[in-house]
Amino acid sequence: MKAIILNSITGKVTEATSTDSHPAASGTLVWQDPKGICLGEVAHPNDILQILRIDTPDFLAFGEAVASIRTALNLNTNQIAKKAGVIPNQIARIEQGQHNPNLLTMLRVLDALGYDLAIVPK
């Protein structure tokens, strides 16, 4: 998963990629810049790094993002489904790219994960 991230202290905008292979990852997903510098955990946004855009070009990518964040938060599909008000099978199908969720479902799932949906210019 790729993202555009703003460092609110320096004002620098950089592209980042999520990875679990960075030495700082320790079993979780982190954002890594093109130079290999760890910018922070995917599942735990902070006040310094602001995610301006996450590139998810299709519903499989959205599902992969949901699965990555859910895993990083050590939550299972039942927990997310309960928080989002959907059935667990629906979360699994979204994560596998087998379900095309409507906007309301996407918003509920993202809210259950602690994320918002943002519309930004291309």
PDB file of N, CA and C in Angstrom:
ATOM      1  N   MET A   1       0.862  -1.153   0.000  1.00  0.00           N
ATOM      2  CA  MET A   1       0.000   0.000   0.000  1.00  0.00           C
ATOM      3  C   MET A   1       0.915   1.224   0.000  1.00  0.00           C
ATOM      4  N   LYS A   2       0.551   2.215  -0.809  1.00  0.00           N
ATOM      5  CA  LYS A   2       1.342   3.443  -0.890  1.00  0.00           C
ATOM      6  C   LYS A   2       0.531   4.606  -0.342  1.00  0.00           C
ATOM      7  N   ALA A   3       1.241   5.589   0.178  1.00  0.00           N
ATOM      8  CA  ALA A   3       0.579   6.762   0.739  1.00  0.00           C
ATOM      9  C   ALA A   3       1.432   7.999   0.505  1.00  0.00           C
ATOM     10  N   ILE A   4       0.769   9.138   0.554  1.00  0.00           N
ATOM     11  CA  ILE A   4       1.442  10.432   0.559  1.00  0.00           C
ATOM     12  C   ILE A   4       1.304  10.961   1.982  1.00  0.00           C
ATOM     13  N   ILE A   5       2.437  11.263   2.617  1.00  0.00           N
ATOM     14  CA  ILE A   5       2.448  11.626   4.033  1.00  0.00           C
ATOM     15  C   ILE A   5       3.087  13.002   4.216  1.00  0.00           C
ATOM     16  N   LEU A   6       2.451  13.808   5.066  1.00  0.00           N
ATOM     17  CA  LEU A   6       2.950  15.141   5.401  1.00  0.00           C
ATOM     18  C   LEU A   6       3.528  15.119   6.807  1.00  0.00           C
ATOM     19  N   ASN A   7       4.763  15.596   6.944  1.00  0.00           N
ATOM     20  CA  ASN A   7       5.356  15.798   8.267  1.00  0.00           C
ATOM     21  C   ASN A   7       4.949  17.200   8.696  1.00  0.00           C
ATOM     22  N   SER A   8       4.086  17.282   9.711  1.00  0.00           N
ATOM     23  CA  SER A   8       3.537  18.581  10.102  1.00  0.00           C
ATOM     24  C   SER A   8       4.570  19.494  10.773  1.00  0.00           C
ATOM     25  N   ILE A   9       5.690  18.972  11.197  1.00  0.00           N
ATOM     26  CA  ILE A   9       6.734  19.800  11.798  1.00  0.00           C
ATOM     27  C   ILE A   9       7.622  20.426  10.725  1.00  0.00           C
ATOM     28  N   THR A  10       8.086  19.581   9.791  1.00  0.00           N
ATOM     29  CA  THR A  10       8.982  20.084   8.752  1.00  0.00           C
ATOM     30  C   THR A  10       8.246  20.624   7.533  1.00  0.00           C
ATOM     31  N   GLY A  11       6.984  20.221   7.364  1.00  0.00           N
ATOM     32  CA  GLY A  11       6.225  20.616   6.189  1.00  0.00           C
ATOM     33  C   GLY A  11       6.569  19.798   4.960  1.00  0.00           C
ATOM     34  N   LYS A  12       7.409  18.786   5.121  1.00  0.00           N
ATOM     35  CA  LYS A  12       7.845  17.958   4.004  1.00  0.00           C
ATOM     36  C   LYS A  12       6.779  16.915   3.674  1.00  0.00           C
ATOM     37  N   VAL A  13       6.493  16.778   2.381  1.00  0.00           N
ATOM     38  CA  VAL A  13       5.565  15.764   1.889  1.00  0.00           C
ATOM     39  C   VAL A  13       6.393  14.688   1.208  1.00  0.00           C
ATOM     40  N   THR A  14       6.100  13.422   1.532  1.00  0.00           N
ATOM     41  CA  THR A  14       6.854  12.321   0.950  1.00  0.00           C
ATOM     42  C   THR A  14       5.942  11.152   0.626  1.00  0.00           C
ATOM     43  N   GLU A  15       6.355  10.369  -0.345  1.00  0.00           N
ATOM     44  CA  GLU A  15       5.648   9.138  -0.661  1.00  0.00           C
ATOM     45  C   GLU A  15       6.174   8.058   0.273  1.00  0.00           C
ATOM     46  N   ALA A  16       5.297   7.188   0.716  1.00  0.00           N
ATOM     47  CA  ALA A  16       5.707   6.104   1.606  1.00  0.00           C
ATOM     48  C   ALA A  16       5.009   4.815   1.191  1.00  0.00           C
ATOM     49  N   THR A  17       5.634   3.708   1.554  1.00  0.00           N
ATOM     50  CA  THR A  17       5.091   2.386   1.283  1.00  0.00           C
ATOM     51  C   THR A  17       4.969   1.637   2.590  1.00  0.00           C
ATOM     52  N   SER A  18       3.885   0.875   2.741  1.00  0.00           N
ATOM     53  CA  SER A  18       3.748   0.081   3.962  1.00  0.00           C
ATOM     54  C   SER A  18       4.569  -1.195   3.819  1.00  0.00           C
ATOM     55  N   THR A  19       5.207  -1.579   4.917  1.00  0.00           N
ATOM     56  CA  THR A  19       6.026  -2.786   4.919  1.00  0.00           C
ATOM     57  C   THR A  19       6.088  -3.378   6.317  1.00  0.00           C
ATOM     58  N   ASP A  20       6.281  -4.693   6.359  1.00  0.00           N
ATOM     59  CA  ASP A  20       6.513  -5.332   7.652  1.00  0.00           C
ATOM     60  C   ASP A  20       7.939  -5.865   7.743  1.00  0.00           C
ATOM     61  N   SER A  21       8.760  -5.543   6.739  1.00  0.00           N
ATOM     62  CA  SER A  21      10.132  -6.048   6.714  1.00  0.00           C
ATOM     63  C   SER A  21      11.164  -5.033   7.216  1.00  0.00           C
ATOM     64  N   HIS A  22      10.739  -3.839   7.576  1.00  0.00           N
ATOM     65  CA  HIS A  22      11.649  -2.833   8.126  1.00  0.00           C
ATOM     66  C   HIS A  22      12.060  -3.267   9.542  1.00  0.00           C
ATOM     67  N   PRO A  23      13.318  -3.049   9.941  1.00  0.00           N
ATOM     68  CA  PRO A  23      13.752  -3.437  11.292  1.00  0.00           C
ATOM     69  C   PRO A  23      12.898  -2.838  12.411  1.00  0.00           C
ATOM     70  N   ALA A  24      12.307  -1.683  12.178  1.00  0.00           N
ATOM     71  CA  ALA A  24      11.473  -1.055  13.210  1.00  0.00           C
ATOM     72  C   ALA A  24      10.055  -1.619  13.242  1.00  0.00           C
ATOM     73  N   ALA A  25       9.718  -2.471  12.275  1.00  0.00           N
ATOM     74  CA  ALA A  25       8.349  -2.969  12.169  1.00  0.00           C
ATOM     75  C   ALA A  25       7.954  -3.870  13.333  1.00  0.00           C
ATOM     76  N   SER A  26       8.842  -4.704  13.796  1.00  0.00           N
ATOM     77  CA  SER A  26       8.604  -5.625  14.913  1.00  0.00           C
ATOM     78  C   SER A  26       7.215  -6.258  14.878  1.00  0.00           C
ATOM     79  N   GLY A  27       6.888  -6.880  13.738  1.00  0.00           N
ATOM     80  CA  GLY A  27       5.638  -7.614  13.621  1.00  0.00           C
ATOM     81  C   GLY A  27       4.432  -6.788  13.232  1.00  0.00           C
ATOM     82  N   THR A  28       4.614  -5.524  12.929  1.00  0.00           N
ATOM     83  CA  THR A  28       3.500  -4.672  12.521  1.00  0.00           C
ATOM     84  C   THR A  28       3.867  -3.952  11.230  1.00  0.00           C
ATOM     85  N   LEU A  29       2.906  -3.354  10.577  1.00  0.00           N
ATOM     86  CA  LEU A  29       3.176  -2.589   9.363  1.00  0.00           C
ATOM     87  C   LEU A  29       3.632  -1.181   9.716  1.00  0.00           C
ATOM     88  N   VAL A  30       4.648  -0.724   8.987  1.00  0.00           N
ATOM     89  CA  VAL A  30       5.125   0.645   9.166  1.00  0.00           C
ATOM     90  C   VAL A  30       5.184   1.333   7.803  1.00  0.00           C
ATOM     91  N   TRP A  31       5.159   2.664   7.828  1.00  0.00           N
ATOM     92  CA  TRP A  31       5.359   3.451   6.618  1.00  0.00           C
ATOM     93  C   TRP A  31       6.860   3.652   6.437  1.00  0.00           C
ATOM     94  N   GLN A  32       7.342   3.418   5.225  1.00  0.00           N
ATOM     95  CA  GLN A  32       8.764   3.560   4.911  1.00  0.00           C
ATOM     96  C   GLN A  32       8.889   4.495   3.719  1.00  0.00           C
ATOM     97  N   ASP A  33       9.795   5.492   3.836  1.00  0.00           N
ATOM     98  CA  ASP A  33       9.986   6.413   2.716  1.00  0.00           C
ATOM     99  C   ASP A  33      10.915   5.787   1.673  1.00  0.00           C
ATOM    100  N   PRO A  34      11.096   6.422   0.503  1.00  0.00           N
ATOM    101  CA  PRO A  34      11.937   5.842  -0.550  1.00  0.00           C
ATOM    102  C   PRO A  34      13.389   5.591  -0.135  1.00  0.00           C
ATOM    103  N   LYS A  35      13.876   6.302   0.902  1.00  0.00           N
ATOM    104  CA  LYS A  35      15.245   6.092   1.379  1.00  0.00           C
ATOM    105  C   LYS A  35      15.326   4.955   2.394  1.00  0.00           C
ATOM    106  N   GLY A  36      14.184   4.349   2.721  1.00  0.00           N
ATOM    107  CA  GLY A  36      14.164   3.246   3.680  1.00  0.00           C
ATOM    108  C   GLY A  36      13.995   3.673   5.122  1.00  0.00           C
ATOM    109  N   ILE A  37      13.669   4.934   5.348  1.00  0.00           N
ATOM    110  CA  ILE A  37      13.486   5.447   6.714  1.00  0.00           C
ATOM    111  C   ILE A  37      12.065   5.151   7.181  1.00  0.00           C
ATOM    112  N   CYS A  38      11.956   4.604   8.380  1.00  0.00           N
ATOM    113  CA  CYS A  38      10.653   4.317   8.976  1.00  0.00           C
ATOM    114  C   CYS A  38      10.010   5.625   9.424  1.00  0.00           C
ATOM    115  N   LEU A  39       8.763   5.862   8.974  1.00  0.00           N
ATOM    116  CA  LEU A  39       8.059   7.091   9.314  1.00  0.00           C
ATOM    117  C   LEU A  39       7.049   6.917  10.441  1.00  0.00           C
ATOM    118  N   GLY A  40       6.660   5.691  10.729  1.00  0.00           N
ATOM    119  CA  GLY A  40       5.687   5.434  11.783  1.00  0.00           C
ATOM    120  C   GLY A  40       4.834   4.229  11.451  1.00  0.00           C
ATOM    121  N   GLU A  41       4.051   3.797  12.423  1.00  0.00           N
ATOM    122  CA  GLU A  41       3.207   2.620  12.246  1.00  0.00           C
ATOM    123  C   GLU A  41       1.961   2.955  11.441  1.00  0.00           C
ATOM    124  N   VAL A  42       1.566   2.038  10.568  1.00  0.00           N
ATOM    125  CA  VAL A  42       0.375   2.206   9.748  1.00  0.00           C
ATOM    126  C   VAL A  42      -0.867   2.278  10.635  1.00  0.00           C
ATOM    127  N   ALA A  43      -0.930   1.405  11.620  1.00  0.00           N
ATOM    128  CA  ALA A  43      -2.134   1.301  12.454  1.00  0.00           C
ATOM    129  C   ALA A  43      -2.247   2.384  13.521  1.00  0.00           C
ATOM    130  N   HIS A  44      -1.172   3.135  13.742  1.00  0.00           N
ATOM    131  CA  HIS A  44      -1.186   4.140  14.804  1.00  0.00           C
ATOM    132  C   HIS A  44      -0.739   5.496  14.278  1.00  0.00           C
ATOM    133  N   PRO A  45      -1.645   6.189  13.561  1.00  0.00           N
ATOM    134  CA  PRO A  45      -1.280   7.529  13.083  1.00  0.00           C
ATOM    135  C   PRO A  45      -0.966   8.445  14.266  1.00  0.00           C
ATOM    136  N   ASN A  46      -0.163   9.457  14.024  1.00  0.00           N
ATOM    137  CA  ASN A  46       0.182  10.376  15.108  1.00  0.00           C
ATOM    138  C   ASN A  46      -0.014  11.817  14.655  1.00  0.00           C
ATOM    139  N   ASP A  47       0.219  12.747  15.556  1.00  0.00           N
ATOM    140  CA  ASP A  47      -0.001  14.163  15.261  1.00  0.00           C
ATOM    141  C   ASP A  47       1.059  14.752  14.331  1.00  0.00           C
ATOM    142  N   ILE A  48       2.211  14.113  14.255  1.00  0.00           N
ATOM    143  CA  ILE A  48       3.296  14.647  13.428  1.00  0.00           C
ATOM    144  C   ILE A  48       3.121  14.241  11.970  1.00  0.00           C
ATOM    145  N   LEU A  49       2.817  12.973  11.732  1.00  0.00           N
ATOM    146  CA  LEU A  49       2.657  12.489  10.362  1.00  0.00           C
ATOM    147  C   LEU A  49       1.184  12.454  10.003  1.00  0.00           C
ATOM    148  N   GLN A  50       0.831  13.168   8.957  1.00  0.00           N
ATOM    149  CA  GLN A  50      -0.551  13.189   8.492  1.00  0.00           C
ATOM    150  C   GLN A  50      -0.625  12.512   7.138  1.00  0.00           C
ATOM    151  N   ILE A  51      -1.476  11.507   7.031  1.00  0.00           N
ATOM    152  CA  ILE A  51      -1.635  10.799   5.761  1.00  0.00           C
ATOM    153  C   ILE A  51      -2.549  11.636   4.875  1.00  0.00           C
ATOM    154  N   LEU A  52      -1.993  12.098   3.761  1.00  0.00           N
ATOM    155  CA  LEU A  52      -2.767  12.919   2.834  1.00  0.00           C
ATOM    156  C   LEU A  52      -3.552  12.064   1.855  1.00  0.00           C
ATOM    157  N   ARG A  53      -2.970  10.931   1.475  1.00  0.00           N
ATOM    158  CA  ARG A  53      -3.649  10.053   0.517  1.00  0.00           C
ATOM    159  C   ARG A  53      -3.079   8.652   0.626  1.00  0.00           C
ATOM    160  N   ILE A  54      -3.968   7.666   0.578  1.00  0.00           N
ATOM    161  CA  ILE A  54      -3.555   6.270   0.452  1.00  0.00           C
ATOM    162  C   ILE A  54      -4.034   5.814  -0.908  1.00  0.00           C
ATOM    163  N   ASP A  55      -3.117   5.291  -1.703  1.00  0.00           N
ATOM    164  CA  ASP A  55      -3.474   4.827  -3.036  1.00  0.00           C
ATOM    165  C   ASP A  55      -4.080   3.435  -2.956  1.00  0.00           C
ATOM    166  N   THR A  56      -5.356   3.358  -3.210  1.00  0.00           N
ATOM    167  CA  THR A  56      -6.061   2.082  -3.297  1.00  0.00           C
ATOM    168  C   THR A  56      -6.855   2.105  -4.600  1.00  0.00           C
ATOM    169  N   PRO A  57      -6.250   1.655  -5.716  1.00  0.00           N
ATOM    170  CA  PRO A  57      -6.873   1.803  -7.021  1.00  0.00           C
ATOM    171  C   PRO A  57      -8.090   0.928  -7.282  1.00  0.00           C
ATOM    172  N   ASP A  58      -8.314  -0.105  -6.497  1.00  0.00           N
ATOM    173  CA  ASP A  58      -9.472  -0.957  -6.713  1.00  0.00           C
ATOM    174  C   ASP A  58      -9.933  -1.555  -5.388  1.00  0.00           C
ATOM    175  N   PHE A  59     -11.020  -2.321  -5.443  1.00  0.00           N
ATOM    176  CA  PHE A  59     -11.577  -2.853  -4.201  1.00  0.00           C
ATOM    177  C   PHE A  59     -10.690  -3.917  -3.579  1.00  0.00           C
ATOM    178  N   LEU A  60      -9.876  -4.608  -4.384  1.00  0.00           N
ATOM    179  CA  LEU A  60      -8.921  -5.544  -3.809  1.00  0.00           C
ATOM    180  C   LEU A  60      -7.918  -4.784  -2.963  1.00  0.00           C
ATOM    181  N   ALA A  61      -7.444  -3.638  -3.463  1.00  0.00           N
ATOM    182  CA  ALA A  61      -6.499  -2.822  -2.688  1.00  0.00           C
ATOM    183  C   ALA A  61      -7.154  -2.293  -1.423  1.00  0.00           C
ATOM    184  N   PHE A  62      -8.433  -1.908  -1.504  1.00  0.00           N
ATOM    185  CA  PHE A  62      -9.139  -1.460  -0.302  1.00  0.00           C
ATOM    186  C   PHE A  62      -9.199  -2.610   0.698  1.00  0.00           C
ATOM    187  N   GLY A  63      -9.527  -3.788   0.210  1.00  0.00           N
ATOM    188  CA  GLY A  63      -9.586  -4.966   1.077  1.00  0.00           C
ATOM    189  C   GLY A  63      -8.247  -5.301   1.690  1.00  0.00           C
ATOM    190  N   GLU A  64      -7.188  -5.183   0.889  1.00  0.00           N
ATOM    191  CA  GLU A  64      -5.841  -5.430   1.406  1.00  0.00           C
ATOM    192  C   GLU A  64      -5.491  -4.410   2.483  1.00  0.00           C
ATOM    193  N   ALA A  65      -5.891  -3.165   2.274  1.00  0.00           N
ATOM    194  CA  ALA A  65      -5.634  -2.124   3.280  1.00  0.00           C
ATOM    195  C   ALA A  65      -6.384  -2.443   4.569  1.00  0.00           C
ATOM    196  N   VAL A  66      -7.648  -2.854   4.454  1.00  0.00           N
ATOM    197  CA  VAL A  66      -8.439  -3.219   5.632  1.00  0.00           C
ATOM    198  C   VAL A  66      -7.768  -4.377   6.364  1.00  0.00           C
ATOM    199  N   ALA A  67      -7.356  -5.407   5.623  1.00  0.00           N
ATOM    200  CA  ALA A  67      -6.709  -6.568   6.244  1.00  0.00           C
ATOM    201  C   ALA A  67      -5.405  -6.178   6.926  1.00  0.00           C
ATOM    202  N   SER A  68      -4.607  -5.336   6.273  1.00  0.00           N
ATOM    203  CA  SER A  68      -3.324  -4.924   6.846  1.00  0.00           C
ATOM    204  C   SER A  68      -3.513  -4.135   8.134  1.00  0.00           C
ATOM    205  N   ILE A  69      -4.447  -3.202   8.110  1.00  0.00           N
ATOM    206  CA  ILE A  69      -4.685  -2.381   9.300  1.00  0.00           C
ATOM    207  C   ILE A  69      -5.270  -3.238  10.416  1.00  0.00           C
ATOM    208  N   ARG A  70      -6.244  -4.097  10.066  1.00  0.00           N
ATOM    209  CA  ARG A  70      -6.872  -4.966  11.070  1.00  0.00           C
ATOM    210  C   ARG A  70      -5.822  -5.864  11.732  1.00  0.00           C
ATOM    211  N   THR A  71      -4.945  -6.438  10.920  1.00  0.00           N
ATOM    212  CA  THR A  71      -3.895  -7.311  11.440  1.00  0.00           C
ATOM    213  C   THR A  71      -2.935  -6.531  12.332  1.00  0.00           C
ATOM    214  N   ALA A  72      -2.560  -5.327  11.884  1.00  0.00           N
ATOM    215  CA  ALA A  72      -1.650  -4.502  12.679  1.00  0.00           C
ATOM    216  C   ALA A  72      -2.259  -4.120  14.025  1.00  0.00           C
ATOM    217  N   LEU A  73      -3.586  -4.019  14.061  1.00  0.00           N
ATOM    218  CA  LEU A  73      -4.277  -3.687  15.316  1.00  0.00           C
ATOM    219  C   LEU A  73      -4.564  -4.936  16.164  1.00  0.00           C
ATOM    220  N   ASN A  74      -4.129  -6.095  15.669  1.00  0.00           N
ATOM    221  CA  ASN A  74      -4.363  -7.379  16.353  1.00  0.00           C
ATOM    222  C   ASN A  74      -5.845  -7.633  16.598  1.00  0.00           C
ATOM    223  N   LEU A  75      -6.658  -7.332  15.587  1.00  0.00           N
ATOM    224  CA  LEU A  75      -8.091  -7.571  15.665  1.00  0.00           C
ATOM    225  C   LEU A  75      -8.472  -8.660  14.670  1.00  0.00           C
ATOM    226  N   ASN A  76      -9.545  -9.386  14.966  1.00  0.00           N
ATOM    227  CA  ASN A  76     -10.018 -10.384  14.014  1.00  0.00           C
ATOM    228  C   ASN A  76     -11.245  -9.847  13.280  1.00  0.00           C
ATOM    229  N   THR A  77     -11.688 -10.583  12.263  1.00  0.00           N
ATOM    230  CA  THR A  77     -12.809 -10.114  11.454  1.00  0.00           C
ATOM    231  C   THR A  77     -14.086  -9.996  12.276  1.00  0.00           C
ATOM    232  N   ASN A  78     -14.266 -10.865  13.269  1.00  0.00           N
ATOM    233  CA  ASN A  78     -15.455 -10.777  14.121  1.00  0.00           C
ATOM    234  C   ASN A  78     -15.495  -9.452  14.883  1.00  0.00           C
ATOM    235  N   GLN A  79     -14.361  -9.030  15.405  1.00  0.00           N
ATOM    236  CA  GLN A  79     -14.303  -7.781  16.175  1.00  0.00           C
ATOM    237  C   GLN A  79     -14.614  -6.571  15.293  1.00  0.00           C
ATOM    238  N   ILE A  80     -14.025  -6.543  14.096  1.00  0.00           N
ATOM    239  CA  ILE A  80     -14.272  -5.422  13.180  1.00  0.00           C
ATOM    240  C   ILE A  80     -15.723  -5.442  12.711  1.00  0.00           C
ATOM    241  N   ALA A  81     -16.225  -6.622  12.396  1.00  0.00           N
ATOM    242  CA  ALA A  81     -17.614  -6.737  11.937  1.00  0.00           C
ATOM    243  C   ALA A  81     -18.579  -6.225  12.999  1.00  0.00           C
ATOM    244  N   LYS A  82     -18.342  -6.597  14.245  1.00  0.00           N
ATOM    245  CA  LYS A  82     -19.222  -6.154  15.330  1.00  0.00           C
ATOM    246  C   LYS A  82     -19.199  -4.634  15.459  1.00  0.00           C
ATOM    247  N   LYS A  83     -17.980  -4.044  15.431  1.00  0.00           N
ATOM    248  CA  LYS A  83     -17.863  -2.583  15.526  1.00  0.00           C
ATOM    249  C   LYS A  83     -18.500  -1.880  14.329  1.00  0.00           C
ATOM    250  N   ALA A  84     -18.400  -2.507  13.144  1.00  0.00           N
ATOM    251  CA  ALA A  84     -18.909  -1.887  11.918  1.00  0.00           C
ATOM    252  C   ALA A  84     -20.392  -2.178  11.685  1.00  0.00           C
ATOM    253  N   GLY A  85     -20.944  -3.131  12.425  1.00  0.00           N
ATOM    254  CA  GLY A  85     -22.353  -3.477  12.239  1.00  0.00           C
ATOM    255  C   GLY A  85     -22.620  -4.293  10.998  1.00  0.00           C
ATOM    256  N   VAL A  86     -21.647  -5.132  10.616  1.00  0.00           N
ATOM    257  CA  VAL A  86     -21.818  -6.026   9.469  1.00  0.00           C
ATOM    258  C   VAL A  86     -21.481  -7.449   9.911  1.00  0.00           C
ATOM    259  N   ILE A  87     -21.732  -8.429   9.050  1.00  0.00           N
ATOM    260  CA  ILE A  87     -21.421  -9.808   9.412  1.00  0.00           C
ATOM    261  C   ILE A  87     -19.942 -10.102   9.128  1.00  0.00           C
ATOM    262  N   PRO A  88     -19.313 -10.980   9.925  1.00  0.00           N
ATOM    263  CA  PRO A  88     -17.888 -11.278   9.747  1.00  0.00           C
ATOM    264  C   PRO A  88     -17.529 -11.752   8.334  1.00  0.00           C
ATOM    265  N   ASN A  89     -18.417 -12.516   7.721  1.00  0.00           N
ATOM    266  CA  ASN A  89     -18.156 -12.996   6.367  1.00  0.00           C
ATOM    267  C   ASN A  89     -17.988 -11.833   5.396  1.00  0.00           C
ATOM    268  N   GLN A  90     -18.705 -10.744   5.623  1.00  0.00           N
ATOM    269  CA  GLN A  90     -18.600  -9.574   4.753  1.00  0.00           C
ATOM    270  C   GLN A  90     -17.214  -8.944   4.865  1.00  0.00           C
ATOM    271  N   ILE A  91     -16.661  -8.877   6.068  1.00  0.00           N
ATOM    272  CA  ILE A  91     -15.301  -8.339   6.252  1.00  0.00           C
ATOM    273  C   ILE A  91     -14.300  -9.221   5.512  1.00  0.00           C
ATOM    274  N   ALA A  92     -14.425 -10.528   5.673  1.00  0.00           N
ATOM    275  CA  ALA A  92     -13.511 -11.457   4.996  1.00  0.00           C
ATOM    276  C   ALA A  92     -13.601 -11.297   3.482  1.00  0.00           C
ATOM    277  N   ARG A  93     -14.808 -11.157   2.954  1.00  0.00           N
ATOM    278  CA  ARG A  93     -14.986 -11.001   1.507  1.00  0.00           C
ATOM    279  C   ARG A  93     -14.428  -9.664   1.013  1.00  0.00           C
ATOM    280  N   ILE A  94     -14.564  -8.610   1.813  1.00  0.00           N
ATOM    281  CA  ILE A  94     -13.978  -7.313   1.459  1.00  0.00           C
ATOM    282  C   ILE A  94     -12.463  -7.443   1.399  1.00  0.00           C
ATOM    283  N   GLU A  95     -11.878  -8.061   2.417  1.00  0.00           N
ATOM    284  CA  GLU A  95     -10.419  -8.212   2.478  1.00  0.00           C
ATOM    285  C   GLU A  95      -9.877  -9.030   1.311  1.00  0.00           C
ATOM    286  N   GLN A  96     -10.665  -9.972   0.818  1.00  0.00           N
ATOM    287  CA  GLN A  96     -10.224 -10.834  -0.287  1.00  0.00           C
ATOM    288  C   GLN A  96     -10.585 -10.257  -1.658  1.00  0.00           C
ATOM    289  N   GLY A  97     -11.213  -9.073  -1.674  1.00  0.00           N
ATOM    290  CA  GLY A  97     -11.600  -8.447  -2.933  1.00  0.00           C
ATOM    291  C   GLY A  97     -12.781  -9.124  -3.600  1.00  0.00           C
ATOM    292  N   GLN A  98     -13.550  -9.894  -2.837  1.00  0.00           N
ATOM    293  CA  GLN A  98     -14.700 -10.612  -3.383  1.00  0.00           C
ATOM    294  C   GLN A  98     -16.010  -9.864  -3.166  1.00  0.00           C
ATOM    295  N   HIS A  99     -15.969  -8.752  -2.475  1.00  0.00           N
ATOM    296  CA  HIS A  99     -17.175  -7.974  -2.188  1.00  0.00           C
ATOM    297  C   HIS A  99     -16.913  -6.515  -2.525  1.00  0.00           C
ATOM    298  N   ASN A 100     -17.835  -5.923  -3.232  1.00  0.00           N
ATOM    299  CA  ASN A 100     -17.750  -4.529  -3.621  1.00  0.00           C
ATOM    300  C   ASN A 100     -18.601  -3.728  -2.630  1.00  0.00           C
ATOM    301  N   PRO A 101     -18.017  -3.254  -1.533  1.00  0.00           N
ATOM    302  CA  PRO A 101     -18.815  -2.588  -0.501  1.00  0.00           C
ATOM    303  C   PRO A 101     -19.339  -1.233  -0.964  1.00  0.00           C
ATOM    304  N   ASN A 102     -20.541  -0.901  -0.489  1.00  0.00           N
ATOM    305  CA  ASN A 102     -21.060   0.428  -0.793  1.00  0.00           C
ATOM    306  C   ASN A 102     -20.360   1.443   0.120  1.00  0.00           C
ATOM    307  N   LEU A 103     -20.609   2.710  -0.143  1.00  0.00           N
ATOM    308  CA  LEU A 103     -19.919   3.770   0.594  1.00  0.00           C
ATOM    309  C   LEU A 103     -20.194   3.702   2.093  1.00  0.00           C
ATOM    310  N   LEU A 104     -21.431   3.436   2.478  1.00  0.00           N
ATOM    311  CA  LEU A 104     -21.766   3.364   3.900  1.00  0.00           C
ATOM    312  C   LEU A 104     -20.998   2.243   4.590  1.00  0.00           C
ATOM    313  N   THR A 105     -20.908   1.097   3.936  1.00  0.00           N
ATOM    314  CA  THR A 105     -20.152  -0.026   4.518  1.00  0.00           C
ATOM    315  C   THR A 105     -18.676   0.325   4.627  1.00  0.00           C
ATOM    316  N   MET A 106     -18.120   0.963   3.593  1.00  0.00           N
ATOM    317  CA  MET A 106     -16.715   1.370   3.647  1.00  0.00           C
ATOM    318  C   MET A 106     -16.478   2.306   4.829  1.00  0.00           C
ATOM    319  N   LEU A 107     -17.370   3.277   4.998  1.00  0.00           N
ATOM    320  CA  LEU A 107     -17.221   4.228   6.108  1.00  0.00           C
ATOM    321  C   LEU A 107     -17.318   3.528   7.464  1.00  0.00           C
ATOM    322  N   ARG A 108     -18.229   2.581   7.591  1.00  0.00           N
ATOM    323  CA  ARG A 108     -18.375   1.842   8.854  1.00  0.00           C
ATOM    324  C   ARG A 108     -17.142   1.013   9.166  1.00  0.00           C
ATOM    325  N   VAL A 109     -16.610   0.343   8.156  1.00  0.00           N
ATOM    326  CA  VAL A 109     -15.418  -0.487   8.352  1.00  0.00           C
ATOM    327  C   VAL A 109     -14.227   0.388   8.722  1.00  0.00           C
ATOM    328  N   LEU A 110     -14.041   1.485   8.000  1.00  0.00           N
ATOM    329  CA  LEU A 110     -12.931   2.387   8.306  1.00  0.00           C
ATOM    330  C   LEU A 110     -13.066   2.972   9.704  1.00  0.00           C
ATOM    331  N   ASP A 111     -14.280   3.347  10.089  1.00  0.00           N
ATOM    332  CA  ASP A 111     -14.509   3.880  11.431  1.00  0.00           C
ATOM    333  C   ASP A 111     -14.171   2.823  12.489  1.00  0.00           C
ATOM    334  N   ALA A 112     -14.545   1.576  12.239  1.00  0.00           N
ATOM    335  CA  ALA A 112     -14.239   0.492  13.177  1.00  0.00           C
ATOM    336  C   ALA A 112     -12.734   0.303  13.344  1.00  0.00           C
ATOM    337  N   LEU A 113     -11.981   0.653  12.304  1.00  0.00           N
ATOM    338  CA  LEU A 113     -10.516   0.549  12.347  1.00  0.00           C
ATOM    339  C   LEU A 113      -9.855   1.819  12.878  1.00  0.00           C
ATOM    340  N   GLY A 114     -10.650   2.871  13.078  1.00  0.00           N
ATOM    341  CA  GLY A 114     -10.091   4.138  13.550  1.00  0.00           C
ATOM    342  C   GLY A 114      -9.583   5.022  12.428  1.00  0.00           C
ATOM    343  N   TYR A 115     -10.109   4.845  11.221  1.00  0.00           N
ATOM    344  CA  TYR A 115      -9.690   5.626  10.056  1.00  0.00           C
ATOM    345  C   TYR A 115     -10.876   6.383   9.478  1.00  0.00           C
ATOM    346  N   ASP A 116     -10.586   7.422   8.704  1.00  0.00           N
ATOM    347  CA  ASP A 116     -11.585   8.190   7.982  1.00  0.00           C
ATOM    348  C   ASP A 116     -11.348   8.031   6.492  1.00  0.00           C
ATOM    349  N   LEU A 117     -12.372   8.275   5.722  1.00  0.00           N
ATOM    350  CA  LEU A 117     -12.260   8.323   4.278  1.00  0.00           C
ATOM    351  C   LEU A 117     -12.147   9.777   3.873  1.00  0.00           C
ATOM    352  N   ALA A 118     -11.174  10.095   3.051  1.00  0.00           N
ATOM    353  CA  ALA A 118     -10.979  11.479   2.619  1.00  0.00           C
ATOM    354  C   ALA A 118     -11.038  11.555   1.102  1.00  0.00           C
ATOM    355  N   ILE A 119     -11.621  12.610   0.611  1.00  0.00           N
ATOM    356  CA  ILE A 119     -11.648  12.873  -0.828  1.00  0.00           C
ATOM    357  C   ILE A 119     -10.644  13.994  -1.079  1.00  0.00           C
ATOM    358  N   VAL A 120      -9.662  13.680  -1.900  1.00  0.00           N
ATOM    359  CA  VAL A 120      -8.582  14.648  -2.159  1.00  0.00           C
ATOM    360  C   VAL A 120      -8.395  14.819  -3.648  1.00  0.00           C
ATOM    361  N   PRO A 121      -7.897  15.969  -4.093  1.00  0.00           N
ATOM    362  CA  PRO A 121      -7.660  16.167  -5.524  1.00  0.00           C
ATOM    363  C   PRO A 121      -6.544  15.252  -6.017  1.00  0.00           C
ATOM    364  N   LYS A 122      -6.630  14.900  -7.278  1.00  0.00           N
ATOM    365  CA  LYS A 122      -5.613  14.044  -7.899  1.00  0.00           C
ATOM    366  C   LYS A 122      -4.353  14.823  -8.141  1.00  0.00           C
TER     367      LYS A 122
END
